[in-house]
Protein backbone atom coordinates (compact mmCIF):
# COMPACT_ATOMS: atom_id res chain seq x y z
CA VAL A 1 83.20 139.64 -109.41
CA ALA A 2 81.80 140.70 -112.58
CA ALA A 3 78.51 140.65 -114.21
CA ALA A 4 76.26 138.01 -113.26
CA THR A 5 74.74 135.37 -115.83
CA PRO A 6 71.38 133.90 -115.29
CA VAL A 7 70.64 132.17 -112.22
CA LEU A 8 71.40 128.34 -112.39
CA ASP A 9 68.80 125.96 -112.57
CA LEU A 10 69.57 124.17 -109.27
CA PRO A 11 67.73 121.18 -108.04
CA THR A 12 65.44 121.24 -105.23
CA THR A 13 66.00 117.69 -103.96
CA TRP A 14 69.14 115.63 -103.61
CA PRO A 15 69.52 114.25 -107.52
CA GLY A 16 72.20 111.46 -106.59
CA ALA A 17 75.67 112.09 -107.20
CA PHE A 18 75.42 111.47 -110.92
CA GLY A 19 72.67 113.91 -111.12
CA ALA A 20 74.44 116.55 -109.15
CA TYR A 21 77.35 116.36 -112.05
CA LYS A 22 74.93 117.70 -114.43
CA TYR A 23 74.43 121.21 -111.99
CA SER A 24 78.10 121.33 -111.09
CA LYS A 25 78.92 121.18 -115.06
CA GLN A 26 76.46 123.97 -115.41
CA ALA A 27 78.05 125.97 -112.81
CA VAL A 28 81.71 125.36 -113.60
CA ASN A 29 81.49 125.94 -117.03
CA ILE A 30 80.91 129.88 -116.39
CA ASN A 31 84.64 129.92 -114.97
CA LEU A 32 85.93 126.83 -116.30
CA GLY A 33 89.40 128.82 -117.76
CA THR A 34 89.90 130.29 -114.35
CA ILE A 35 89.18 127.20 -112.58
CA VAL A 36 91.60 125.20 -114.50
CA VAL A 37 94.32 127.85 -114.35
CA LEU A 38 93.88 128.11 -110.73
CA LEU A 39 94.09 124.49 -110.30
CA LEU A 40 97.02 123.95 -112.43
CA LEU A 41 98.86 126.56 -110.61
CA THR A 42 98.01 124.81 -107.11
CA ILE A 43 99.67 121.34 -108.69
CA VAL A 44 102.78 123.48 -110.22
CA ALA A 45 103.21 125.47 -106.90
CA GLY A 46 103.13 122.29 -104.78
CA VAL A 47 105.40 120.25 -107.53
CA ALA A 48 107.80 123.21 -107.80
CA PHE A 49 108.58 123.97 -104.24
CA ASN A 50 108.91 120.32 -103.55
CA LEU A 51 111.56 119.75 -106.12
CA VAL A 52 113.40 122.94 -105.63
CA PHE A 53 113.62 122.77 -101.62
CA LYS A 54 113.00 119.36 -100.91
CA THR A 55 111.65 118.78 -97.36
CA LEU A 56 111.35 122.57 -96.82
CA GLY A 57 109.49 122.79 -99.94
CA GLU A 58 106.60 120.73 -98.75
CA VAL A 59 106.01 123.21 -96.16
CA ILE A 60 106.78 126.07 -98.47
CA GLY A 61 104.22 124.55 -101.32
CA PHE A 62 101.62 123.90 -98.32
CA ILE A 63 101.41 127.43 -97.47
CA ALA A 64 101.72 128.62 -101.16
CA THR A 65 98.87 126.49 -102.20
CA ALA A 66 96.80 127.71 -99.76
CA LEU A 67 96.39 131.11 -101.80
CA PHE A 68 95.63 129.03 -104.89
CA SER A 69 93.20 126.79 -102.87
CA ALA A 70 91.50 129.95 -101.35
CA SER A 71 91.11 131.46 -105.15
CA THR A 72 89.90 128.13 -106.54
CA THR A 73 87.13 128.10 -103.92
CA ILE A 74 86.29 131.93 -104.63
CA ALA A 75 85.78 130.67 -108.51
CA TYR A 76 83.53 127.62 -107.86
CA LEU A 77 81.62 129.90 -105.48
CA ALA A 78 81.15 132.60 -107.96
CA SER A 79 80.33 129.98 -110.38
CA VAL A 80 77.41 128.72 -108.30
CA LYS A 81 76.03 131.98 -108.03
CA GLY A 82 76.42 132.39 -112.08
CA GLU A 83 79.10 135.37 -111.81
CA HIS A 84 82.27 135.41 -113.92
CA ILE A 85 85.38 135.80 -112.34
CA SER A 86 88.75 136.57 -113.72
CA ILE A 87 92.08 134.89 -112.43
CA GLY A 88 93.40 138.16 -111.26
CA GLN A 89 90.04 138.99 -109.08
CA ALA A 90 90.01 135.22 -107.81
CA LEU A 91 93.80 135.55 -106.74
CA SER A 92 93.30 139.15 -105.37
CA GLN A 93 90.00 137.91 -103.40
CA GLY A 94 92.00 134.74 -102.36
CA LEU A 95 94.61 136.74 -100.61
CA THR A 96 92.25 137.84 -97.79
CA PHE A 97 91.41 134.54 -96.87
CA TRP A 98 94.91 132.95 -97.33
CA VAL A 99 96.20 132.81 -93.69
CA ARG A 100 92.96 131.65 -92.62
CA ILE A 101 92.72 129.02 -95.29
CA PHE A 102 96.15 127.83 -94.66
CA PHE A 103 95.42 127.31 -90.90
CA LEU A 104 91.94 125.58 -91.68
CA ASN A 105 93.65 123.41 -94.32
CA LEU A 106 96.12 122.31 -91.75
CA LEU A 107 93.43 121.92 -88.99
CA VAL A 108 91.66 119.54 -91.50
CA ALA A 109 94.56 117.62 -92.56
CA LEU A 110 95.57 117.00 -88.72
CA SER A 111 91.99 115.78 -88.17
CA VAL A 112 92.44 113.23 -91.04
CA MET A 113 95.89 112.28 -90.38
CA VAL A 114 94.56 111.63 -86.35
CA SER A 115 91.39 109.82 -87.70
CA ALA A 116 93.82 107.66 -90.28
CA LEU A 117 96.11 106.58 -87.15
CA LEU A 118 92.90 105.50 -85.43
CA LEU A 119 92.92 102.54 -88.04
CA ILE A 120 91.22 103.91 -91.19
CA ILE A 121 87.60 103.47 -90.48
CA PRO A 122 87.43 106.86 -88.82
CA LEU A 123 88.66 108.29 -91.77
CA PHE A 124 85.57 107.44 -93.73
CA PHE A 125 83.70 109.52 -91.29
CA VAL A 126 85.90 112.59 -90.90
CA VAL A 127 86.76 113.64 -94.52
CA PRO A 128 83.30 113.83 -96.00
CA ARG A 129 82.26 115.74 -92.48
CA LEU A 130 85.11 118.38 -93.39
CA ALA A 131 84.85 118.53 -97.14
CA LEU A 132 82.93 121.81 -97.01
CA ALA A 133 85.22 123.67 -94.36
CA SER A 134 86.77 126.03 -97.06
CA TYR A 135 83.57 126.91 -98.68
CA PHE A 136 81.95 127.92 -95.30
CA LEU A 137 85.11 130.21 -94.38
CA ILE A 138 85.06 131.84 -97.72
CA ASP A 139 81.22 132.28 -98.80
CA GLN A 140 80.16 133.05 -95.21
CA LYS A 141 83.22 134.79 -94.16
CA LEU A 142 83.53 132.57 -90.73
CA GLY A 143 86.59 132.20 -88.55
CA ILE A 144 88.57 128.88 -88.68
CA MET A 145 87.01 126.81 -86.03
CA ASP A 146 83.31 128.12 -87.05
CA ALA A 147 83.91 126.99 -90.77
CA TYR A 148 85.35 123.31 -89.31
CA LYS A 149 82.13 123.26 -86.97
CA ALA A 150 79.89 124.37 -90.06
CA SER A 151 80.97 121.78 -92.16
CA TRP A 152 81.08 119.26 -89.40
CA GLU A 153 77.35 120.05 -88.79
CA SER A 154 76.02 120.49 -92.20
CA THR A 155 77.38 117.30 -93.41
CA LYS A 156 75.81 115.37 -90.52
CA GLY A 157 73.96 112.48 -91.97
CA HIS A 158 75.09 113.14 -95.43
CA SER A 159 78.42 111.65 -95.68
CA GLY A 160 77.43 108.99 -98.26
CA LYS A 161 76.26 111.68 -100.69
CA VAL A 162 80.14 113.60 -100.23
CA TRP A 163 81.58 110.29 -100.99
CA GLY A 164 79.13 109.74 -103.79
CA VAL A 165 80.08 113.06 -105.12
CA ILE A 166 83.71 112.26 -104.37
CA GLY A 167 83.27 108.86 -106.48
CA VAL A 168 81.77 110.56 -109.28
CA GLY A 169 84.97 113.02 -109.63
CA ILE A 170 87.16 110.04 -109.58
CA LEU A 171 85.50 108.16 -112.14
CA ILE A 172 85.13 111.10 -114.40
CA GLY A 173 89.04 111.73 -113.98
CA LEU A 174 89.86 108.26 -114.55
CA LEU A 175 87.84 108.71 -117.69
CA MET A 176 89.35 111.69 -118.79
CA ILE A 177 92.83 109.78 -118.06
CA THR A 178 92.01 106.79 -120.15
CA ILE A 179 90.46 109.14 -123.08
CA ILE A 180 93.59 111.11 -123.32
CA GLY A 181 95.82 108.02 -122.34
CA ILE A 182 94.91 105.77 -125.49
CA PRO A 183 96.04 108.03 -128.33
CA PHE A 184 99.32 108.65 -126.30
CA SER A 185 99.62 104.44 -125.72
CA ILE A 186 98.88 103.92 -129.24
CA TYR A 187 101.36 106.54 -130.61
CA PHE A 188 104.25 105.42 -128.19
CA TRP A 189 103.44 101.61 -128.41
């Protein structure tokens, strides 16, 4: 991680999901290019392996995207710490967590699938409780089960806040799609 920028002005109390956006935007802007490229690599790798190798591609894509997932998490963490990180640095550091992130993602995916099989309601409790697992694994260099448990414990009583952040992310994504989509629909209409 390269030279640090001034420490971010983080809130001392929960500002609400929309209020948290202000702070996350401030942090993400530090490494916006790196994060966007890593997210695009994650999507492209998943789609490309799926198209080329069909069913086996889903498995290969899941394995390959673990590297980009780890690297993206590293870039987000660097941003929150006010540090700049290049794509190469994020990928290099991501390699050290690749296997553990793969198995953690597999464990989280299995937990979510089992909760979904229990008729949806438990899914709404499980997803937010495991949302921070990869951050604990990388930031605190925890093992797979320790990161899983740390996420579960740290989000206890805060599921609504996590869903609020997820909801704001979805709303912003939909807004961006709409803003980008309007000129295209006018042009192709």
